[in-house]
């Protein structure tokens, strides 16, 4: 996956082995792994018609991609490292397990939902045996080692060891990896680069938590992780009409002043962030045909707008029409898409 920078649209990858002839599919997969992860020897019983798909996005400093593939054994030897070493850490979230892996004398068996860290500069093995005929799935976050804020000697202790997806940071990391793949096509350049930096900070915080090394993290990394936690808290509580800066600050053991200072470098204030995200959820619900019979006031209250007049006012200010007008237009667009093309015989 090529690099993107500046104001260039983020590079989004969505490719499948089914795009090439059957006899070329395994070679296609081996080449994709070589280019997007690192050189490996890959062994599989499915070479005749190898099925695999990659969906991902380049986030500037980092890359995230979800891989779906047939069972395999991957080996990265010293010879492979000499052939090509991107010098990256790879944080893997196993989506469809299990994964059996070894690196630096550490061995691990990871089930679905688990996290594990690898280093492309050391030999390793990874076996995805598959489960009940389903494809193997894993999401990879690529992290340049020269930007990783923790000492390599400390980080190497965690290679090929299961990292808990539980806890605040682990949960955020898993949510992030899932969301970034799903939202890849919608990311603008500035957002992609900002989220790439957040990914690096979250991964560093996750590793630091497991090493009991949080004091080693730079101040900016700790700040970005706190912001990520606050944003996740906001997203999870948008339906609470009492979601206000004071409530958010208290939950995170901050003063209201400190919370506002934290958001000074963000595109929006805390209150504006809450309002925009509530409006986005309302807009999505208004366009949902399964919710067409729900009263407008009920949809608004679902996302924290208890006063219909206020909801109508802020919705119109944001989208240039009332909620009722938006719902009507969404219905008209759906009907137009269902109509047959009159030019078709």
C-alpha atoms as a PDB file:
ATOM      1  CA  UNK A   1       0.000   0.000   0.000  1.00  0.00           C
ATOM      2  CA  UNK A   2       1.580   3.230  -1.103  1.00  0.00           C
ATOM      3  CA  UNK A   3       2.096   6.210   1.147  1.00  0.00           C
ATOM      4  CA  UNK A   4      -0.150   9.236   1.148  1.00  0.00           C
ATOM      5  CA  UNK A   5       0.818  12.648   2.415  1.00  0.00           C
ATOM      6  CA  UNK A   6      -0.130  16.287   2.454  1.00  0.00           C
ATOM      7  CA  UNK A   7      -3.560  16.942   0.975  1.00  0.00           C
ATOM      8  CA  UNK A   8      -3.591  13.779  -1.129  1.00  0.00           C
ATOM      9  CA  UNK A   9      -6.698  11.644  -0.654  1.00  0.00           C
ATOM     10  CA  UNK A  10      -5.885   8.657   1.578  1.00  0.00           C
ATOM     11  CA  UNK A  11      -5.064   5.483  -0.321  1.00  0.00           C
ATOM     12  CA  UNK A  12      -7.891   2.997   0.208  1.00  0.00           C
ATOM     13  CA  UNK A  13      -7.275  -0.632  -0.684  1.00  0.00           C
ATOM     14  CA  UNK A  14     -10.044  -3.124  -1.423  1.00  0.00           C
ATOM     15  CA  UNK A  15      -8.767  -6.095  -3.390  1.00  0.00           C
ATOM     16  CA  UNK A  16      -9.627  -9.766  -3.721  1.00  0.00           C
ATOM     17  CA  UNK A  17      -7.912 -12.807  -5.152  1.00  0.00           C
ATOM     18  CA  UNK A  18     -11.088 -13.466  -7.139  1.00  0.00           C
ATOM     19  CA  UNK A  19     -10.056 -10.567  -9.392  1.00  0.00           C
ATOM     20  CA  UNK A  20      -7.353 -12.740 -10.987  1.00  0.00           C
ATOM     21  CA  UNK A  21      -7.532 -16.169 -12.698  1.00  0.00           C
ATOM     22  CA  UNK A  22      -7.880 -19.179 -10.411  1.00  0.00           C
ATOM     23  CA  UNK A  23      -4.374 -20.453 -11.119  1.00  0.00           C
ATOM     24  CA  UNK A  24      -2.853 -17.074 -10.144  1.00  0.00           C
ATOM     25  CA  UNK A  25      -4.719 -16.507  -6.880  1.00  0.00           C
ATOM     26  CA  UNK A  26      -2.198 -17.973  -4.451  1.00  0.00           C
ATOM     27  CA  UNK A  27       0.655 -16.069  -6.121  1.00  0.00           C
ATOM     28  CA  UNK A  28      -1.469 -12.914  -5.901  1.00  0.00           C
ATOM     29  CA  UNK A  29      -1.896 -13.467  -2.158  1.00  0.00           C
ATOM     30  CA  UNK A  30       1.817 -14.103  -1.552  1.00  0.00           C
ATOM     31  CA  UNK A  31       2.672 -10.918  -3.431  1.00  0.00           C
ATOM     32  CA  UNK A  32       0.036  -8.946  -1.476  1.00  0.00           C
ATOM     33  CA  UNK A  33       1.491 -10.120   1.852  1.00  0.00           C
ATOM     34  CA  UNK A  34       5.002  -9.265   0.641  1.00  0.00           C
ATOM     35  CA  UNK A  35       3.983  -5.722  -0.361  1.00  0.00           C
ATOM     36  CA  UNK A  36       1.598  -4.870   2.455  1.00  0.00           C
ATOM     37  CA  UNK A  37       3.129  -6.640   5.466  1.00  0.00           C
ATOM     38  CA  UNK A  38       6.611  -8.118   4.809  1.00  0.00           C
ATOM     39  CA  UNK A  39       8.185 -11.039   2.912  1.00  0.00           C
ATOM     40  CA  UNK A  40       7.058 -14.437   4.225  1.00  0.00           C
ATOM     41  CA  UNK A  41       7.097 -18.040   3.106  1.00  0.00           C
ATOM     42  CA  UNK A  42       3.464 -19.124   2.984  1.00  0.00           C
ATOM     43  CA  UNK A  43       2.326 -22.739   3.033  1.00  0.00           C
ATOM     44  CA  UNK A  44      -1.287 -23.776   2.548  1.00  0.00           C
ATOM     45  CA  UNK A  45      -3.397 -26.689   1.398  1.00  0.00           C
ATOM     46  CA  UNK A  46      -5.505 -24.304  -0.697  1.00  0.00           C
ATOM     47  CA  UNK A  47      -3.138 -23.278  -3.492  1.00  0.00           C
ATOM     48  CA  UNK A  48      -5.466 -24.414  -6.297  1.00  0.00           C
ATOM     49  CA  UNK A  49      -8.072 -21.681  -5.709  1.00  0.00           C
ATOM     50  CA  UNK A  50      -6.841 -19.453  -2.909  1.00  0.00           C
ATOM     51  CA  UNK A  51      -9.522 -17.097  -1.583  1.00  0.00           C
ATOM     52  CA  UNK A  52      -8.393 -13.887   0.106  1.00  0.00           C
ATOM     53  CA  UNK A  53      -9.458 -10.259   0.442  1.00  0.00           C
ATOM     54  CA  UNK A  54      -7.779  -7.118   1.762  1.00  0.00           C
ATOM     55  CA  UNK A  55      -9.583  -3.945   2.867  1.00  0.00           C
ATOM     56  CA  UNK A  56      -7.555  -1.130   4.322  1.00  0.00           C
ATOM     57  CA  UNK A  57      -6.436   2.469   4.335  1.00  0.00           C
ATOM     58  CA  UNK A  58      -3.164   4.370   4.562  1.00  0.00           C
ATOM     59  CA  UNK A  59      -3.335   6.801   7.482  1.00  0.00           C
ATOM     60  CA  UNK A  60      -0.054   8.586   6.838  1.00  0.00           C
ATOM     61  CA  UNK A  61       2.131   7.434   9.721  1.00  0.00           C
ATOM     62  CA  UNK A  62       0.260   4.137  10.068  1.00  0.00           C
ATOM     63  CA  UNK A  63      -1.753   1.697   7.977  1.00  0.00           C
ATOM     64  CA  UNK A  64      -4.728  -0.423   8.970  1.00  0.00           C
ATOM     65  CA  UNK A  65      -6.058  -3.327   6.925  1.00  0.00           C
ATOM     66  CA  UNK A  66      -8.400  -6.248   7.444  1.00  0.00           C
ATOM     67  CA  UNK A  67      -7.362  -9.523   5.822  1.00  0.00           C
ATOM     68  CA  UNK A  68      -9.666 -12.447   5.075  1.00  0.00           C
ATOM     69  CA  UNK A  69      -7.908 -15.576   3.813  1.00  0.00           C
ATOM     70  CA  UNK A  70      -7.787 -19.364   3.694  1.00  0.00           C
ATOM     71  CA  UNK A  71      -5.826 -21.264   6.401  1.00  0.00           C
ATOM     72  CA  UNK A  72      -2.042 -20.959   6.161  1.00  0.00           C
ATOM     73  CA  UNK A  73       1.326 -21.173   7.877  1.00  0.00           C
ATOM     74  CA  UNK A  74       3.528 -18.083   7.469  1.00  0.00           C
ATOM     75  CA  UNK A  75       7.242 -18.121   8.270  1.00  0.00           C
ATOM     76  CA  UNK A  76       9.532 -15.102   8.296  1.00  0.00           C
ATOM     77  CA  UNK A  77      13.151 -16.229   8.396  1.00  0.00           C
ATOM     78  CA  UNK A  78      16.433 -14.268   8.631  1.00  0.00           C
ATOM     79  CA  UNK A  79      16.653 -14.600   4.835  1.00  0.00           C
ATOM     80  CA  UNK A  80      13.238 -12.944   4.460  1.00  0.00           C
ATOM     81  CA  UNK A  81      14.339 -10.136   6.783  1.00  0.00           C
ATOM     82  CA  UNK A  82      17.440  -9.541   4.679  1.00  0.00           C
ATOM     83  CA  UNK A  83      15.278  -9.485   1.574  1.00  0.00           C
ATOM     84  CA  UNK A  84      12.989  -6.808   2.972  1.00  0.00           C
ATOM     85  CA  UNK A  85      12.367  -5.268   6.368  1.00  0.00           C
ATOM     86  CA  UNK A  86       9.925  -2.352   6.673  1.00  0.00           C
ATOM     87  CA  UNK A  87      11.078  -2.007  10.326  1.00  0.00           C
ATOM     88  CA  UNK A  88       7.591  -1.886  11.757  1.00  0.00           C
ATOM     89  CA  UNK A  89       5.643  -3.258  14.651  1.00  0.00           C
ATOM     90  CA  UNK A  90       2.414  -4.946  13.626  1.00  0.00           C
ATOM     91  CA  UNK A  91      -0.477  -5.011  16.070  1.00  0.00           C
ATOM     92  CA  UNK A  92      -2.890  -7.754  15.035  1.00  0.00           C
ATOM     93  CA  UNK A  93      -6.491  -8.116  16.136  1.00  0.00           C
ATOM     94  CA  UNK A  94      -7.725 -11.627  15.415  1.00  0.00           C
ATOM     95  CA  UNK A  95     -11.254 -11.401  14.000  1.00  0.00           C
ATOM     96  CA  UNK A  96     -11.706 -15.019  12.922  1.00  0.00           C
ATOM     97  CA  UNK A  97      -9.347 -17.237  14.861  1.00  0.00           C
ATOM     98  CA  UNK A  98      -7.491 -18.952  16.104  1.00  0.00           C
ATOM     99  CA  UNK A  99      -3.906 -17.767  15.572  1.00  0.00           C
ATOM    100  CA  UNK A 100      -0.864 -19.684  16.823  1.00  0.00           C
ATOM    101  CA  UNK A 101       2.313 -17.602  16.752  1.00  0.00           C
ATOM    102  CA  UNK A 102       5.911 -17.497  17.936  1.00  0.00           C
ATOM    103  CA  UNK A 103       8.613 -14.822  17.987  1.00  0.00           C
ATOM    104  CA  UNK A 104      11.609 -14.087  20.230  1.00  0.00           C
ATOM    105  CA  UNK A 105      11.092 -17.319  22.224  1.00  0.00           C
ATOM    106  CA  UNK A 106       7.517 -16.295  23.016  1.00  0.00           C
ATOM    107  CA  UNK A 107       4.591 -18.444  21.910  1.00  0.00           C
ATOM    108  CA  UNK A 108       0.901 -17.593  21.972  1.00  0.00           C
ATOM    109  CA  UNK A 109      -2.462 -19.004  20.939  1.00  0.00           C
ATOM    110  CA  UNK A 110      -4.926 -16.198  20.236  1.00  0.00           C
ATOM    111  CA  UNK A 111      -8.662 -16.654  19.852  1.00  0.00           C
ATOM    112  CA  UNK A 112     -11.071 -14.296  18.092  1.00  0.00           C
ATOM    113  CA  UNK A 113     -11.063 -10.844  19.662  1.00  0.00           C
ATOM    114  CA  UNK A 114      -7.504 -11.134  20.942  1.00  0.00           C
ATOM    115  CA  UNK A 115      -4.567  -8.812  20.243  1.00  0.00           C
ATOM    116  CA  UNK A 116      -0.915  -9.660  19.575  1.00  0.00           C
ATOM    117  CA  UNK A 117       2.204  -7.661  18.634  1.00  0.00           C
ATOM    118  CA  UNK A 118       4.925  -8.610  16.117  1.00  0.00           C
ATOM    119  CA  UNK A 119       8.188  -7.027  14.948  1.00  0.00           C
ATOM    120  CA  UNK A 120       9.177  -7.392  11.288  1.00  0.00           C
ATOM    121  CA  UNK A 121      12.876  -7.262  12.226  1.00  0.00           C
ATOM    122  CA  UNK A 122      12.834 -10.652  14.029  1.00  0.00           C
ATOM    123  CA  UNK A 123      12.074 -14.146  12.674  1.00  0.00           C
ATOM    124  CA  UNK A 124       8.580 -15.409  13.428  1.00  0.00           C
ATOM    125  CA  UNK A 125       5.918 -17.974  12.607  1.00  0.00           C
ATOM    126  CA  UNK A 126       2.170 -17.518  12.395  1.00  0.00           C
ATOM    127  CA  UNK A 127      -0.281 -20.350  11.855  1.00  0.00           C
ATOM    128  CA  UNK A 128      -3.926 -19.711  11.033  1.00  0.00           C
ATOM    129  CA  UNK A 129      -5.476 -23.206  11.010  1.00  0.00           C
ATOM    130  CA  UNK A 130      -9.006 -22.012  10.330  1.00  0.00           C
ATOM    131  CA  UNK A 131     -12.171 -22.953  12.147  1.00  0.00           C
ATOM    132  CA  UNK A 132     -15.095 -25.017  10.865  1.00  0.00           C
ATOM    133  CA  UNK A 133     -14.503 -24.098   7.233  1.00  0.00           C
ATOM    134  CA  UNK A 134     -14.771 -20.355   7.827  1.00  0.00           C
ATOM    135  CA  UNK A 135     -12.110 -17.996   6.431  1.00  0.00           C
ATOM    136  CA  UNK A 136      -9.419 -16.679   8.738  1.00  0.00           C
ATOM    137  CA  UNK A 137      -9.709 -12.968   9.494  1.00  0.00           C
ATOM    138  CA  UNK A 138      -7.341 -10.510  11.137  1.00  0.00           C
ATOM    139  CA  UNK A 139      -6.916  -6.733  11.231  1.00  0.00           C
ATOM    140  CA  UNK A 140      -3.337  -5.427  11.032  1.00  0.00           C
ATOM    141  CA  UNK A 141      -2.155  -2.047  12.302  1.00  0.00           C
ATOM    142  CA  UNK A 142       1.301  -1.190  10.954  1.00  0.00           C
ATOM    143  CA  UNK A 143       3.408   1.046  13.242  1.00  0.00           C
ATOM    144  CA  UNK A 144       6.800   2.484  12.201  1.00  0.00           C
ATOM    145  CA  UNK A 145       9.316   1.578  14.888  1.00  0.00           C
ATOM    146  CA  UNK A 146      11.163   4.871  14.506  1.00  0.00           C
ATOM    147  CA  UNK A 147       7.986   6.696  15.631  1.00  0.00           C
ATOM    148  CA  UNK A 148       7.035   4.307  18.424  1.00  0.00           C
ATOM    149  CA  UNK A 149       7.607   6.181  21.705  1.00  0.00           C
ATOM    150  CA  UNK A 150       8.663   3.230  23.904  1.00  0.00           C
ATOM    151  CA  UNK A 151      12.172   1.680  24.044  1.00  0.00           C
ATOM    152  CA  UNK A 152      12.575  -1.342  21.770  1.00  0.00           C
ATOM    153  CA  UNK A 153      14.141  -3.348  24.593  1.00  0.00           C
ATOM    154  CA  UNK A 154      10.981  -2.967  26.670  1.00  0.00           C
ATOM    155  CA  UNK A 155       8.560  -3.432  23.773  1.00  0.00           C
ATOM    156  CA  UNK A 156      10.259  -6.642  22.618  1.00  0.00           C
ATOM    157  CA  UNK A 157       9.174  -8.357  25.840  1.00  0.00           C
ATOM    158  CA  UNK A 158       5.603  -8.355  24.551  1.00  0.00           C
ATOM    159  CA  UNK A 159       6.273  -9.765  21.083  1.00  0.00           C
ATOM    160  CA  UNK A 160       4.079 -12.768  20.317  1.00  0.00           C
ATOM    161  CA  UNK A 161       2.263 -12.497  23.620  1.00  0.00           C
ATOM    162  CA  UNK A 162      -1.465 -12.052  23.996  1.00  0.00           C
ATOM    163  CA  UNK A 163      -2.419  -8.464  24.799  1.00  0.00           C
ATOM    164  CA  UNK A 164      -5.696  -8.125  26.631  1.00  0.00           C
ATOM    165  CA  UNK A 165      -8.474  -6.459  24.619  1.00  0.00           C
ATOM    166  CA  UNK A 166     -10.211  -5.665  27.902  1.00  0.00           C
ATOM    167  CA  UNK A 167      -9.783  -2.441  29.859  1.00  0.00           C
ATOM    168  CA  UNK A 168     -10.298   1.074  28.565  1.00  0.00           C
ATOM    169  CA  UNK A 169      -7.304   1.190  26.200  1.00  0.00           C
ATOM    170  CA  UNK A 170      -7.757  -2.340  24.859  1.00  0.00           C
ATOM    171  CA  UNK A 171     -11.425  -1.704  24.160  1.00  0.00           C
ATOM    172  CA  UNK A 172     -10.639   1.593  22.427  1.00  0.00           C
ATOM    173  CA  UNK A 173      -7.955  -0.072  20.329  1.00  0.00           C
ATOM    174  CA  UNK A 174     -10.325  -2.782  19.113  1.00  0.00           C
ATOM    175  CA  UNK A 175     -13.076  -0.259  18.393  1.00  0.00           C
ATOM    176  CA  UNK A 176     -10.607   1.894  16.503  1.00  0.00           C
ATOM    177  CA  UNK A 177      -9.339  -0.954  14.314  1.00  0.00           C
ATOM    178  CA  UNK A 178     -12.874  -2.000  13.427  1.00  0.00           C
ATOM    179  CA  UNK A 179     -14.096   1.523  12.730  1.00  0.00           C
ATOM    180  CA  UNK A 180     -11.166   2.566  10.576  1.00  0.00           C
ATOM    181  CA  UNK A 181     -11.614  -0.316   8.148  1.00  0.00           C
ATOM    182  CA  UNK A 182     -15.368   0.298   7.894  1.00  0.00           C
ATOM    183  CA  UNK A 183     -14.936   4.071   7.425  1.00  0.00           C
ATOM    184  CA  UNK A 184     -11.912   3.933   5.129  1.00  0.00           C
ATOM    185  CA  UNK A 185     -13.684   5.218   2.019  1.00  0.00           C
ATOM    186  CA  UNK A 186     -15.133   8.227   3.890  1.00  0.00           C
ATOM    187  CA  UNK A 187     -11.908   9.641   5.337  1.00  0.00           C
ATOM    188  CA  UNK A 188     -10.546  12.952   4.109  1.00  0.00           C
ATOM    189  CA  UNK A 189      -6.783  13.670   4.121  1.00  0.00           C
ATOM    190  CA  UNK A 190      -6.687  15.672   7.359  1.00  0.00           C
ATOM    191  CA  UNK A 191      -8.894  13.196   9.210  1.00  0.00           C
ATOM    192  CA  UNK A 192      -6.869  10.213   7.980  1.00  0.00           C
ATOM    193  CA  UNK A 193      -3.563  11.699   9.156  1.00  0.00           C
ATOM    194  CA  UNK A 194      -5.031  12.704  12.515  1.00  0.00           C
ATOM    195  CA  UNK A 195      -6.445   9.222  13.044  1.00  0.00           C
ATOM    196  CA  UNK A 196      -3.123   7.704  12.042  1.00  0.00           C
ATOM    197  CA  UNK A 197      -1.436   9.632  14.838  1.00  0.00           C
ATOM    198  CA  UNK A 198      -4.156   8.576  17.278  1.00  0.00           C
ATOM    199  CA  UNK A 199      -3.624   4.941  16.269  1.00  0.00           C
ATOM    200  CA  UNK A 200       0.051   5.196  17.108  1.00  0.00           C
ATOM    201  CA  UNK A 201      -0.722   6.784  20.478  1.00  0.00           C
ATOM    202  CA  UNK A 202      -3.362   4.176  21.360  1.00  0.00           C
ATOM    203  CA  UNK A 203      -1.043   1.311  20.446  1.00  0.00           C
ATOM    204  CA  UNK A 204       1.779   2.811  22.509  1.00  0.00           C
ATOM    205  CA  UNK A 205      -0.559   3.259  25.468  1.00  0.00           C
ATOM    206  CA  UNK A 206      -1.767  -0.342  25.160  1.00  0.00           C
ATOM    207  CA  UNK A 207       1.812  -1.634  25.176  1.00  0.00           C
ATOM    208  CA  UNK A 208       2.745   0.677  28.063  1.00  0.00           C
ATOM    209  CA  UNK A 209      -0.199  -0.613  30.098  1.00  0.00           C
ATOM    210  CA  UNK A 210       1.029  -4.198  29.711  1.00  0.00           C
ATOM    211  CA  UNK A 211       4.604  -3.197  30.582  1.00  0.00           C
ATOM    212  CA  UNK A 212       3.578  -0.969  33.484  1.00  0.00           C
ATOM    213  CA  UNK A 213       5.504   1.748  31.664  1.00  0.00           C
ATOM    214  CA  UNK A 214       2.945   4.562  31.325  1.00  0.00           C
ATOM    215  CA  UNK A 215       5.413   7.149  32.769  1.00  0.00           C
ATOM    216  CA  UNK A 216       7.654   6.546  29.746  1.00  0.00           C
ATOM    217  CA  UNK A 217       5.000   7.800  27.341  1.00  0.00           C
ATOM    218  CA  UNK A 218       5.404  11.359  26.014  1.00  0.00           C
ATOM    219  CA  UNK A 219       2.978  13.951  27.352  1.00  0.00           C
ATOM    220  CA  UNK A 220       1.347  14.354  23.943  1.00  0.00           C
ATOM    221  CA  UNK A 221       0.711  10.607  23.679  1.00  0.00           C
ATOM    222  CA  UNK A 222      -1.024  10.597  27.063  1.00  0.00           C
ATOM    223  CA  UNK A 223      -3.042  13.637  25.996  1.00  0.00           C
ATOM    224  CA  UNK A 224      -4.197  11.994  22.759  1.00  0.00           C
ATOM    225  CA  UNK A 225      -5.183   8.797  24.546  1.00  0.00           C
ATOM    226  CA  UNK A 226      -7.205  10.803  27.090  1.00  0.00           C
ATOM    227  CA  UNK A 227      -8.931  12.585  24.205  1.00  0.00           C
ATOM    228  CA  UNK A 228      -9.719   9.240  22.589  1.00  0.00           C
ATOM    229  CA  UNK A 229     -11.212   7.993  25.847  1.00  0.00           C
ATOM    230  CA  UNK A 230     -13.329  11.122  26.213  1.00  0.00           C
ATOM    231  CA  UNK A 231     -14.549  10.899  22.615  1.00  0.00           C
ATOM    232  CA  UNK A 232     -15.499   7.259  23.127  1.00  0.00           C
ATOM    233  CA  UNK A 233     -17.366   8.228  26.297  1.00  0.00           C
ATOM    234  CA  UNK A 234     -19.244  10.936  24.390  1.00  0.00           C
ATOM    235  CA  UNK A 235     -20.206   8.487  21.622  1.00  0.00           C
ATOM    236  CA  UNK A 236     -21.451   5.974  24.149  1.00  0.00           C
ATOM    237  CA  UNK A 237     -23.632   8.471  26.022  1.00  0.00           C
ATOM    238  CA  UNK A 238     -25.170  10.658  23.317  1.00  0.00           C
ATOM    239  CA  UNK A 239     -28.655   9.572  24.363  1.00  0.00           C
ATOM    240  CA  UNK A 240     -28.169  10.945  27.862  1.00  0.00           C
ATOM    241  CA  UNK A 241     -29.690  14.445  27.990  1.00  0.00           C
ATOM    242  CA  UNK A 242     -27.377  15.232  30.921  1.00  0.00           C
ATOM    243  CA  UNK A 243     -24.264  14.678  28.799  1.00  0.00           C
ATOM    244  CA  UNK A 244     -22.550  18.021  29.353  1.00  0.00           C
ATOM    245  CA  UNK A 245     -18.953  19.176  29.871  1.00  0.00           C
ATOM    246  CA  UNK A 246     -19.313  19.026  33.673  1.00  0.00           C
ATOM    247  CA  UNK A 247     -20.501  15.414  33.546  1.00  0.00           C
ATOM    248  CA  UNK A 248     -17.732  14.402  31.134  1.00  0.00           C
ATOM    249  CA  UNK A 249     -15.066  16.141  33.210  1.00  0.00           C
ATOM    250  CA  UNK A 250     -16.208  14.493  36.435  1.00  0.00           C
ATOM    251  CA  UNK A 251     -16.240  11.037  34.850  1.00  0.00           C
ATOM    252  CA  UNK A 252     -12.605  11.485  33.762  1.00  0.00           C
ATOM    253  CA  UNK A 253     -11.466  13.112  37.012  1.00  0.00           C
ATOM    254  CA  UNK A 254     -10.827  16.473  35.350  1.00  0.00           C
ATOM    255  CA  UNK A 255     -11.927  19.988  36.088  1.00  0.00           C
ATOM    256  CA  UNK A 256     -14.238  21.551  33.515  1.00  0.00           C
ATOM    257  CA  UNK A 257     -11.489  24.056  32.748  1.00  0.00           C
ATOM    258  CA  UNK A 258      -8.983  21.255  32.077  1.00  0.00           C
ATOM    259  CA  UNK A 259     -11.491  19.544  29.777  1.00  0.00           C
ATOM    260  CA  UNK A 260     -11.954  22.702  27.724  1.00  0.00           C
ATOM    261  CA  UNK A 261      -8.192  23.206  27.546  1.00  0.00           C
ATOM    262  CA  UNK A 262      -7.827  19.636  26.269  1.00  0.00           C
ATOM    263  CA  UNK A 263     -10.179  20.464  23.385  1.00  0.00           C
ATOM    264  CA  UNK A 264      -8.515  23.786  22.501  1.00  0.00           C
ATOM    265  CA  UNK A 265      -6.519  22.174  19.684  1.00  0.00           C
ATOM    266  CA  UNK A 266      -9.492  20.164  18.421  1.00  0.00           C
ATOM    267  CA  UNK A 267     -11.685  21.341  15.512  1.00  0.00           C
ATOM    268  CA  UNK A 268     -14.691  21.801  17.841  1.00  0.00           C
ATOM    269  CA  UNK A 269     -15.484  22.586  21.451  1.00  0.00           C
ATOM    270  CA  UNK A 270     -16.832  19.868  23.726  1.00  0.00           C
ATOM    271  CA  UNK A 271     -20.407  21.102  23.413  1.00  0.00           C
ATOM    272  CA  UNK A 272     -20.167  21.457  19.626  1.00  0.00           C
ATOM    273  CA  UNK A 273     -18.816  17.918  19.391  1.00  0.00           C
ATOM    274  CA  UNK A 274     -21.761  16.550  21.379  1.00  0.00           C
ATOM    275  CA  UNK A 275     -24.279  18.514  19.303  1.00  0.00           C
ATOM    276  CA  UNK A 276     -22.787  17.477  15.940  1.00  0.00           C
ATOM    277  CA  UNK A 277     -22.666  13.791  16.830  1.00  0.00           C
ATOM    278  CA  UNK A 278     -26.228  13.847  18.126  1.00  0.00           C
ATOM    279  CA  UNK A 279     -27.364  15.500  14.908  1.00  0.00           C
ATOM    280  CA  UNK A 280     -25.505  12.914  12.829  1.00  0.00           C
ATOM    281  CA  UNK A 281     -27.308  10.103  14.652  1.00  0.00           C
ATOM    282  CA  UNK A 282     -30.665  11.850  14.205  1.00  0.00           C
ATOM    283  CA  UNK A 283     -29.972  12.408  10.515  1.00  0.00           C
ATOM    284  CA  UNK A 284     -29.132   8.721  10.089  1.00  0.00           C
ATOM    285  CA  UNK A 285     -32.353   7.688  11.848  1.00  0.00           C
ATOM    286  CA  UNK A 286     -34.467  10.087   9.786  1.00  0.00           C
ATOM    287  CA  UNK A 287     -33.145   8.473   6.600  1.00  0.00           C
ATOM    288  CA  UNK A 288     -33.782   4.944   7.880  1.00  0.00           C
ATOM    289  CA  UNK A 289     -36.938   3.490   6.251  1.00  0.00           C
ATOM    290  CA  UNK A 290     -37.401   1.127   9.187  1.00  0.00           C
ATOM    291  CA  UNK A 291     -37.894   4.164  11.443  1.00  0.00           C
ATOM    292  CA  UNK A 292     -40.208   6.122   9.103  1.00  0.00           C
ATOM    293  CA  UNK A 293     -43.203   5.689  11.414  1.00  0.00           C
ATOM    294  CA  UNK A 294     -41.377   6.852  14.543  1.00  0.00           C
ATOM    295  CA  UNK A 295     -42.392  10.375  15.635  1.00  0.00           C
ATOM    296  CA  UNK A 296     -39.768  13.054  15.119  1.00  0.00           C
ATOM    297  CA  UNK A 297     -39.790  13.919  18.799  1.00  0.00           C
ATOM    298  CA  UNK A 298     -39.078  10.305  19.748  1.00  0.00           C
ATOM    299  CA  UNK A 299     -36.092  10.098  17.394  1.00  0.00           C
ATOM    300  CA  UNK A 300     -34.745  13.380  18.726  1.00  0.00           C
ATOM    301  CA  UNK A 301     -35.174  12.306  22.356  1.00  0.00           C
ATOM    302  CA  UNK A 302     -33.368   9.063  21.584  1.00  0.00           C
ATOM    303  CA  UNK A 303     -30.232  11.166  21.041  1.00  0.00           C
ATOM    304  CA  UNK A 304     -30.645  13.664  23.858  1.00  0.00           C
ATOM    305  CA  UNK A 305     -32.800  16.361  22.225  1.00  0.00           C
ATOM    306  CA  UNK A 306     -35.749  16.668  24.618  1.00  0.00           C
ATOM    307  CA  UNK A 307     -37.158  19.941  23.230  1.00  0.00           C
ATOM    308  CA  UNK A 308     -38.632  19.493  19.702  1.00  0.00           C
ATOM    309  CA  UNK A 309     -38.339  23.189  18.866  1.00  0.00           C
ATOM    310  CA  UNK A 310     -34.663  23.271  19.795  1.00  0.00           C
ATOM    311  CA  UNK A 311     -34.013  20.091  17.792  1.00  0.00           C
ATOM    312  CA  UNK A 312     -35.695  21.546  14.708  1.00  0.00           C
ATOM    313  CA  UNK A 313     -33.705  24.769  15.028  1.00  0.00           C
ATOM    314  CA  UNK A 314     -30.256  23.182  15.379  1.00  0.00           C
ATOM    315  CA  UNK A 315     -31.021  20.580  12.690  1.00  0.00           C
ATOM    316  CA  UNK A 316     -32.017  23.289  10.217  1.00  0.00           C
ATOM    317  CA  UNK A 317     -28.921  25.323  11.079  1.00  0.00           C
ATOM    318  CA  UNK A 318     -26.733  22.293  10.378  1.00  0.00           C
ATOM    319  CA  UNK A 319     -28.411  20.852   7.266  1.00  0.00           C
ATOM    320  CA  UNK A 320     -30.418  23.710   5.729  1.00  0.00           C
ATOM    321  CA  UNK A 321     -33.829  22.060   6.201  1.00  0.00           C
ATOM    322  CA  UNK A 322     -36.114  20.925   8.989  1.00  0.00           C
ATOM    323  CA  UNK A 323     -36.073  17.311  10.205  1.00  0.00           C
ATOM    324  CA  UNK A 324     -39.469  16.750   8.566  1.00  0.00           C
ATOM    325  CA  UNK A 325     -38.215  18.080   5.224  1.00  0.00           C
ATOM    326  CA  UNK A 326     -35.088  15.936   5.435  1.00  0.00           C
ATOM    327  CA  UNK A 327     -37.105  12.790   6.163  1.00  0.00           C
ATOM    328  CA  UNK A 328     -39.373  13.550   3.186  1.00  0.00           C
ATOM    329  CA  UNK A 329     -36.423  14.089   0.843  1.00  0.00           C
ATOM    330  CA  UNK A 330     -34.806  10.852   2.009  1.00  0.00           C
ATOM    331  CA  UNK A 331     -38.044   8.997   1.222  1.00  0.00           C
ATOM    332  CA  UNK A 332     -38.211  10.601  -2.246  1.00  0.00           C
ATOM    333  CA  UNK A 333     -34.611   9.579  -2.970  1.00  0.00           C
ATOM    334  CA  UNK A 334     -35.327   5.992  -1.902  1.00  0.00           C
ATOM    335  CA  UNK A 335     -38.401   5.856  -4.141  1.00  0.00           C
ATOM    336  CA  UNK A 336     -36.414   7.235  -7.087  1.00  0.00           C
ATOM    337  CA  UNK A 337     -33.779   4.553  -6.658  1.00  0.00           C
ATOM    338  CA  UNK A 338     -36.482   1.863  -6.735  1.00  0.00           C
ATOM    339  CA  UNK A 339     -38.068   3.156  -9.972  1.00  0.00           C
ATOM    340  CA  UNK A 340     -37.041   1.251 -13.133  1.00  0.00           C
ATOM    341  CA  UNK A 341     -35.008   3.131 -15.707  1.00  0.00           C
ATOM    342  CA  UNK A 342     -37.531   4.309 -18.328  1.00  0.00           C
ATOM    343  CA  UNK A 343     -34.893   3.982 -21.052  1.00  0.00           C
ATOM    344  CA  UNK A 344     -34.553   0.267 -20.332  1.00  0.00           C
ATOM    345  CA  UNK A 345     -36.721  -1.782 -22.714  1.00  0.00           C
END
